[in-house]
Amino acid sequence: MTAGTGTDTGAGTGSGTGTPTRRAAPARAPRPRSALRRRRVTATAAIALVALVVGLVALGLGDYPLSPLEVLRALGGADGPASTIVLGWRLPRVLAALVFGAALGASGAVFQSLTRNPLGSPDVIGFSTGAYTGAIVVIVSGATSTVGTAAGALVGGLGTALVVYLLAWRGGVQGLRLIIVGIGVTAVLHSVNSWLLLRAQAEVALTASFWGAGTLALVSWSELVPAAALLALLGVAVAVLSRPLRQLELGDDAARSHGLRTEPARLALVVVGVALTAVVTASTGPIVFVALAAPQLARRVVRSAGVPLGAAALAGALLLLVADVVAQHVTTSPVPVGLVTLVIGGAYLVSLLVGESRRSS
């Protein structure tokens, strides 16, 4: 009778030996996908909410300060001077910061996913500089229309992408090679830009230099509406290409095993990513480092293994809006927003390089 006892006790026994054995600790159950998805949605919504709050605050700042209630009334269509100030003067700039920042964040997410490297950004790879080169050529030639500048920036960005892509091609394009080639092309383009400005007339060079600092001060409804419409179409293209992008993140061999034609998909993503940056550059001038920092900020907030496209776009919108508020109201006098993002992004780039060197050592 005693042999059958103790086999179901909490201590447990060995099989047929009577020697008690320690039970192994139960393995921690993996977090269900629904919980992960809910956390990502919550974090993404939090970024969007913060951007909305900062936008409402920005609409009330200026020489004629407005309370949040007055801003909401003006947005609701109430008559009065507040309506003119909010809808006519401040709203285009705030919306431009949100729309253009989202485009830069999405572009940075595309390239960082393609290269699988946090340094993979249109700023670092040279596509932003190429778009600036194309715009300078148009401005120096005397065609100063918005359409001409936009076309020059788009052609310059896509041309730079083609050159970098061909120089990085070795039976395919690898992320690190693309970044290294892009850095070299960027250095060459900086020299070309300086030469173009030195050869231009003084007033033309001054205009191009001010525009080249990256500013939202010149954006009005007439520039914002067509740019936003084009960026919306490019956003749809990014959404369509998001599935091939996720497959490319797994590596070319895994992507091919799923039936993906890797190089056409990669080239399509490069074109869309460059177009996002070129449209922003044509409207505001080159605004650097937003595309570099926004995807990594979003990845840390969302706690995602990869770079989340939607959260990166929202993080870019928030970053550019905050930078523009600092450029207008925190500095001693208003400065181009590109100078603020340059300072913030430079500090971020140094910290990123230091962190990468520590992990590799």
Protein backbone atom coordinates (compact mmCIF):
# COMPACT_ATOMS: atom_id res chain seq x y z
CA MET A 1 0.00 0.00 0.00
CA THR A 2 2.81 2.35 0.69
CA ALA A 3 4.33 1.93 -2.76
CA GLY A 4 1.44 3.72 -4.38
CA THR A 5 1.59 6.71 -2.07
CA GLY A 6 3.58 9.84 -2.72
CA THR A 7 3.54 9.60 -6.49
CA ASP A 8 1.22 12.60 -6.74
CA THR A 9 2.66 14.67 -3.90
CA GLY A 10 3.96 18.21 -4.32
CA ALA A 11 7.58 17.12 -3.86
CA GLY A 12 7.36 14.43 -6.53
CA THR A 13 9.46 11.30 -6.65
CA GLY A 14 11.83 9.76 -9.08
CA SER A 15 10.51 7.04 -11.33
CA GLY A 16 10.55 3.88 -9.26
CA THR A 17 13.41 4.99 -7.00
CA GLY A 18 11.50 6.79 -4.28
CA THR A 19 14.06 9.59 -4.39
CA PRO A 20 12.40 12.99 -4.36
CA THR A 21 13.31 15.24 -7.27
CA ARG A 22 12.88 18.98 -7.65
CA ARG A 23 10.29 20.04 -10.18
CA ALA A 24 11.53 22.24 -12.97
CA ALA A 25 10.24 25.81 -12.89
CA PRO A 26 7.42 26.24 -15.39
CA ALA A 27 8.47 28.03 -18.56
CA ARG A 28 7.15 31.56 -18.89
CA ALA A 29 4.40 31.63 -21.45
CA PRO A 30 5.11 33.90 -24.39
CA ARG A 31 3.11 37.07 -24.53
CA PRO A 32 0.18 36.58 -26.91
CA ARG A 33 0.23 38.46 -30.19
CA SER A 34 -2.97 40.28 -29.29
CA ALA A 35 -1.27 41.83 -26.25
CA LEU A 36 1.73 42.90 -28.32
CA ARG A 37 -0.53 44.37 -30.98
CA ARG A 38 -2.56 46.20 -28.33
CA ARG A 39 0.60 47.65 -26.78
CA ARG A 40 1.83 48.86 -30.17
CA VAL A 41 -1.50 50.44 -31.00
CA THR A 42 -1.58 52.16 -27.60
CA ALA A 43 1.97 53.50 -27.98
CA THR A 44 1.29 54.72 -31.52
CA ALA A 45 -1.91 56.43 -30.39
CA ALA A 46 0.02 58.09 -27.56
CA ILE A 47 2.50 59.58 -30.04
CA ALA A 48 -0.39 60.87 -32.16
CA LEU A 49 -2.08 62.40 -29.10
CA VAL A 50 1.09 64.19 -28.00
CA ALA A 51 1.54 65.57 -31.52
CA LEU A 52 -2.06 66.82 -31.50
CA VAL A 53 -1.60 68.54 -28.14
CA VAL A 54 1.67 70.17 -29.22
CA GLY A 55 -0.05 71.32 -32.42
CA LEU A 56 -2.86 73.01 -30.46
CA VAL A 57 -0.31 74.69 -28.20
CA ALA A 58 1.70 75.86 -31.21
CA LEU A 59 -1.40 77.46 -32.74
CA GLY A 60 -1.73 79.63 -29.64
CA LEU A 61 1.88 80.82 -29.49
CA GLY A 62 3.11 84.03 -31.07
CA ASP A 63 3.03 87.80 -30.77
CA TYR A 64 -0.74 87.52 -30.29
CA PRO A 65 -1.06 84.64 -27.80
CA LEU A 66 -4.28 82.62 -27.76
CA SER A 67 -5.66 80.23 -25.18
CA PRO A 68 -6.44 76.63 -26.17
CA LEU A 69 -10.15 77.46 -25.97
CA GLU A 70 -9.73 80.37 -28.38
CA VAL A 71 -7.76 78.13 -30.73
CA LEU A 72 -10.51 75.49 -30.67
CA ARG A 73 -13.17 78.12 -31.33
CA ALA A 74 -11.18 79.47 -34.28
CA LEU A 75 -10.77 75.96 -35.67
CA GLY A 76 -14.50 75.48 -35.24
CA GLY A 77 -15.24 78.45 -37.51
CA ALA A 78 -15.84 81.28 -35.03
CA ASP A 79 -15.41 84.75 -36.50
CA GLY A 80 -12.95 87.31 -35.21
CA PRO A 81 -9.24 88.13 -35.32
CA ALA A 82 -8.38 84.80 -33.69
CA SER A 83 -9.83 82.99 -36.70
CA THR A 84 -7.62 84.94 -39.10
CA ILE A 85 -4.53 84.37 -36.99
CA VAL A 86 -5.12 80.64 -36.55
CA LEU A 87 -6.54 79.63 -39.92
CA GLY A 88 -4.68 82.06 -42.15
CA TRP A 89 -1.29 82.45 -40.50
CA ARG A 90 -0.44 79.66 -38.06
CA LEU A 91 -2.37 76.59 -39.21
CA PRO A 92 -0.49 76.15 -42.54
CA ARG A 93 2.85 76.11 -40.72
CA VAL A 94 1.68 73.66 -38.05
CA LEU A 95 0.14 71.34 -40.63
CA ALA A 96 3.29 71.60 -42.76
CA ALA A 97 5.40 70.52 -39.78
CA LEU A 98 3.12 67.55 -39.16
CA VAL A 99 2.79 66.46 -42.80
CA PHE A 100 6.43 66.98 -43.77
CA GLY A 101 7.69 65.47 -40.53
CA ALA A 102 5.54 62.39 -41.13
CA ALA A 103 6.95 62.07 -44.65
CA LEU A 104 10.53 62.29 -43.37
CA GLY A 105 9.81 59.76 -40.61
CA ALA A 106 8.30 57.31 -43.09
CA SER A 107 11.21 57.78 -45.50
CA GLY A 108 13.71 57.13 -42.73
CA ALA A 109 11.82 54.01 -41.67
CA VAL A 110 11.93 52.66 -45.23
CA PHE A 111 15.67 53.11 -45.58
CA GLN A 112 16.53 51.89 -42.10
CA SER A 113 14.47 48.77 -42.76
CA LEU A 114 16.08 48.23 -46.17
CA THR A 115 19.62 48.66 -44.84
CA ARG A 116 18.85 47.04 -41.47
CA ASN A 117 20.99 49.77 -39.94
CA PRO A 118 20.01 52.74 -37.74
CA LEU A 119 22.32 54.92 -39.85
CA GLY A 120 20.31 54.16 -42.97
CA SER A 121 18.66 57.52 -43.57
CA PRO A 122 18.17 59.74 -46.64
CA ASP A 123 20.28 62.36 -44.81
CA VAL A 124 23.25 60.04 -44.39
CA ILE A 125 22.94 58.20 -47.70
CA GLY A 126 22.84 61.47 -49.64
CA PHE A 127 19.36 61.56 -51.12
CA SER A 128 18.42 64.74 -49.26
CA THR A 129 21.61 66.41 -50.46
CA GLY A 130 20.89 65.29 -54.01
CA ALA A 131 17.41 66.80 -53.85
CA TYR A 132 18.97 70.05 -52.60
CA THR A 133 21.43 69.97 -55.52
CA GLY A 134 18.59 69.64 -58.01
CA ALA A 135 16.74 72.55 -56.42
CA ILE A 136 19.87 74.73 -56.44
CA VAL A 137 20.37 74.10 -60.15
CA VAL A 138 16.80 75.28 -60.80
CA ILE A 139 17.13 78.35 -58.56
CA VAL A 140 20.49 79.39 -60.03
CA SER A 141 19.13 79.00 -63.55
CA GLY A 142 16.45 81.58 -62.76
CA ALA A 143 13.38 79.28 -62.73
CA THR A 144 12.25 80.15 -59.21
CA SER A 145 8.69 78.85 -59.47
CA THR A 146 7.50 76.35 -56.87
CA VAL A 147 6.79 73.74 -59.54
CA GLY A 148 10.24 74.15 -61.06
CA THR A 149 11.97 73.89 -57.70
CA ALA A 150 9.92 70.82 -56.80
CA ALA A 151 10.75 69.18 -60.11
CA GLY A 152 14.45 69.94 -59.69
CA ALA A 153 14.48 68.51 -56.16
CA LEU A 154 12.67 65.36 -57.29
CA VAL A 155 15.00 64.82 -60.25
CA GLY A 156 18.06 65.52 -58.10
CA GLY A 157 16.96 63.11 -55.39
CA LEU A 158 16.07 60.31 -57.80
CA GLY A 159 19.25 60.88 -59.82
CA THR A 160 21.34 60.62 -56.65
CA ALA A 161 19.48 57.46 -55.66
CA LEU A 162 20.22 55.94 -59.06
CA VAL A 163 23.93 56.78 -58.82
CA VAL A 164 24.23 55.40 -55.28
CA TYR A 165 22.26 52.29 -56.21
CA LEU A 166 24.46 51.55 -59.24
CA LEU A 167 27.71 52.20 -57.36
CA ALA A 168 26.57 49.95 -54.51
CA TRP A 169 25.49 47.14 -56.84
CA ARG A 170 27.53 43.96 -56.56
CA GLY A 171 25.15 41.27 -57.77
CA GLY A 172 22.64 42.93 -55.45
CA VAL A 173 22.61 45.78 -52.92
CA GLN A 174 23.67 45.28 -49.32
CA GLY A 175 22.71 47.75 -46.61
CA LEU A 176 26.18 48.62 -45.31
CA ARG A 177 27.57 49.08 -48.84
CA LEU A 178 24.66 51.38 -49.69
CA ILE A 179 25.40 53.54 -46.63
CA ILE A 180 29.14 53.78 -47.31
CA VAL A 181 28.63 54.67 -50.97
CA GLY A 182 25.96 57.18 -49.99
CA ILE A 183 28.29 58.92 -47.55
CA GLY A 184 30.88 59.31 -50.30
CA VAL A 185 28.32 60.66 -52.77
CA THR A 186 27.07 63.09 -50.11
CA ALA A 187 30.56 64.53 -49.71
CA VAL A 188 30.85 65.05 -53.47
CA LEU A 189 27.41 66.71 -53.64
CA HIS A 190 28.28 69.11 -50.81
CA SER A 191 31.24 70.28 -52.89
CA VAL A 192 29.04 70.66 -55.96
CA ASN A 193 26.49 72.69 -53.99
CA SER A 194 29.19 75.03 -52.67
CA TRP A 195 30.56 75.51 -56.19
CA LEU A 196 27.09 76.31 -57.57
CA LEU A 197 26.44 78.90 -54.86
CA LEU A 198 29.84 80.54 -55.35
CA ARG A 199 29.22 80.86 -59.10
CA ALA A 200 25.71 82.28 -58.66
CA GLN A 201 24.80 85.94 -58.30
CA ALA A 202 24.90 87.26 -54.74
CA GLU A 203 21.14 87.67 -54.28
CA VAL A 204 20.41 84.28 -55.86
CA ALA A 205 23.03 82.57 -53.72
CA LEU A 206 21.64 84.28 -50.60
CA THR A 207 18.13 83.07 -51.42
CA ALA A 208 19.32 79.53 -52.07
CA SER A 209 21.41 79.50 -48.89
CA PHE A 210 18.51 80.67 -46.72
CA TRP A 211 16.21 78.12 -48.32
CA GLY A 212 18.92 75.49 -47.92
CA ALA A 213 18.86 75.91 -44.14
CA GLY A 214 15.41 74.31 -44.11
CA THR A 215 12.52 76.54 -43.10
CA LEU A 216 8.75 76.33 -42.74
CA ALA A 217 8.32 80.11 -42.73
CA LEU A 218 7.64 80.29 -46.47
CA VAL A 219 5.01 77.54 -46.55
CA SER A 220 1.47 78.78 -47.26
CA TRP A 221 -1.74 77.04 -48.25
CA SER A 222 -0.79 77.27 -51.93
CA GLU A 223 2.41 75.26 -51.35
CA LEU A 224 1.05 72.96 -48.66
CA VAL A 225 -2.04 71.59 -50.43
CA PRO A 226 -0.34 70.15 -53.55
CA ALA A 227 2.61 68.87 -51.54
CA ALA A 228 0.30 67.18 -49.03
CA ALA A 229 -1.72 65.60 -51.83
CA LEU A 230 1.42 64.17 -53.44
CA LEU A 231 2.72 62.94 -50.09
CA ALA A 232 -0.63 61.24 -49.44
CA LEU A 233 -0.26 59.28 -52.69
CA LEU A 234 3.29 58.32 -51.71
CA GLY A 235 1.99 57.26 -48.30
CA VAL A 236 -0.42 54.89 -50.00
CA ALA A 237 2.50 53.48 -52.00
CA VAL A 238 4.46 52.93 -48.78
CA ALA A 239 1.50 51.09 -47.28
CA VAL A 240 1.25 48.87 -50.36
CA LEU A 241 4.99 48.13 -50.23
CA SER A 242 5.05 47.49 -46.47
CA ARG A 243 4.62 43.74 -46.87
CA PRO A 244 7.60 43.36 -49.28
CA LEU A 245 9.58 45.60 -46.92
CA ARG A 246 8.94 43.26 -43.99
CA GLN A 247 9.98 40.30 -46.11
CA LEU A 248 13.21 42.04 -47.12
CA GLU A 249 13.98 42.60 -43.44
CA LEU A 250 14.26 38.82 -43.06
CA GLY A 251 17.01 38.68 -45.68
CA ASP A 252 17.02 38.17 -49.43
CA ASP A 253 17.05 34.37 -49.24
CA ALA A 254 14.01 34.26 -46.97
CA ALA A 255 12.23 36.86 -49.11
CA ARG A 256 12.89 34.86 -52.29
CA SER A 257 11.58 31.72 -50.60
CA HIS A 258 8.27 33.56 -50.19
CA GLY A 259 8.19 34.33 -53.91
CA LEU A 260 9.34 37.97 -53.67
CA ARG A 261 11.41 39.47 -56.47
CA THR A 262 13.86 41.19 -54.18
CA GLU A 263 15.62 43.71 -56.42
CA PRO A 264 12.46 45.14 -58.09
CA ALA A 265 10.84 45.44 -54.66
CA ARG A 266 13.94 47.11 -53.20
CA LEU A 267 14.18 49.53 -56.12
CA ALA A 268 10.50 50.47 -55.79
CA LEU A 269 10.98 51.16 -52.08
CA VAL A 270 14.06 53.30 -52.79
CA VAL A 271 12.13 55.37 -55.34
CA VAL A 272 9.20 55.94 -52.98
CA GLY A 273 11.49 56.77 -50.05
CA VAL A 274 13.48 59.26 -52.13
CA ALA A 275 10.28 60.83 -53.47
CA LEU A 276 9.03 61.42 -49.91
CA THR A 277 12.23 63.25 -49.05
CA ALA A 278 12.37 65.15 -52.34
CA VAL A 279 8.85 66.57 -51.98
CA VAL A 280 9.67 67.86 -48.50
CA THR A 281 12.99 69.30 -49.68
CA ALA A 282 11.27 71.06 -52.58
CA SER A 283 8.82 72.73 -50.20
CA THR A 284 11.04 73.60 -47.24
CA GLY A 285 14.65 73.01 -48.16
CA PRO A 286 16.64 70.15 -46.65
CA ILE A 287 15.54 69.41 -43.09
CA VAL A 288 18.09 66.99 -41.75
CA PHE A 289 18.13 64.25 -39.10
CA VAL A 290 14.36 63.93 -38.64
CA ALA A 291 14.41 60.89 -40.92
CA LEU A 292 17.36 59.54 -38.93
CA ALA A 293 15.98 59.95 -35.41
CA ALA A 294 12.22 59.42 -35.81
CA PRO A 295 12.28 55.69 -36.70
CA GLN A 296 14.54 54.81 -33.77
CA LEU A 297 12.44 56.90 -31.39
CA ALA A 298 9.32 55.12 -32.60
CA ARG A 299 10.95 51.71 -32.29
CA ARG A 300 11.87 52.39 -28.67
CA VAL A 301 8.46 53.78 -27.74
CA VAL A 302 6.54 50.98 -29.45
CA ARG A 303 9.15 48.39 -28.37
CA SER A 304 9.12 46.78 -31.76
CA ALA A 305 11.79 44.43 -33.10
CA GLY A 306 11.66 46.15 -36.49
CA VAL A 307 11.06 49.75 -37.50
CA PRO A 308 7.30 50.51 -37.35
CA LEU A 309 6.26 52.58 -40.35
CA GLY A 310 3.16 54.23 -38.90
CA ALA A 311 4.76 55.06 -35.56
CA ALA A 312 7.87 56.37 -37.33
CA ALA A 313 5.74 58.75 -39.41
CA LEU A 314 3.97 60.04 -36.31
CA ALA A 315 7.27 60.40 -34.45
CA GLY A 316 8.66 62.40 -37.38
CA ALA A 317 5.62 64.69 -37.29
CA LEU A 318 6.08 65.25 -33.56
CA LEU A 319 9.83 65.85 -33.84
CA LEU A 320 9.54 68.41 -36.62
CA LEU A 321 6.68 70.23 -34.89
CA VAL A 322 8.59 70.46 -31.61
CA ALA A 323 11.70 71.62 -33.46
CA ASP A 324 9.70 74.33 -35.22
CA VAL A 325 8.22 75.53 -31.94
CA VAL A 326 11.76 75.78 -30.55
CA ALA A 327 12.93 77.58 -33.70
CA GLN A 328 10.15 80.18 -33.42
CA HIS A 329 9.67 80.76 -29.72
CA VAL A 330 12.52 79.36 -27.62
CA THR A 331 15.56 80.87 -29.36
CA THR A 332 16.38 84.56 -28.91
CA SER A 333 15.13 85.25 -32.44
CA PRO A 334 13.36 82.99 -34.97
CA VAL A 335 15.71 80.71 -36.89
CA PRO A 336 15.13 78.15 -39.66
CA VAL A 337 13.87 74.87 -38.26
CA GLY A 338 16.64 73.04 -40.12
CA LEU A 339 19.21 74.59 -37.79
CA VAL A 340 17.37 73.23 -34.76
CA THR A 341 17.06 69.74 -36.22
CA LEU A 342 20.74 69.91 -37.18
CA VAL A 343 21.76 70.56 -33.56
CA ILE A 344 19.40 67.96 -32.12
CA GLY A 345 20.21 65.41 -34.82
CA GLY A 346 23.94 65.94 -34.52
CA ALA A 347 23.81 65.16 -30.81
CA TYR A 348 21.66 62.12 -31.53
CA LEU A 349 24.04 60.90 -34.24
CA VAL A 350 27.02 61.14 -31.86
CA SER A 351 25.16 59.19 -29.18
CA LEU A 352 24.12 56.60 -31.77
CA LEU A 353 27.68 56.11 -32.98
CA VAL A 354 28.98 55.83 -29.42
CA GLY A 355 26.31 53.26 -28.57
CA GLU A 356 27.08 51.21 -31.69
CA SER A 357 30.82 51.24 -30.94
CA ARG A 358 30.23 50.07 -27.38
CA ARG A 359 28.02 47.20 -28.55
CA SER A 360 30.56 46.09 -31.14
CA SER A 361 33.49 46.20 -28.69
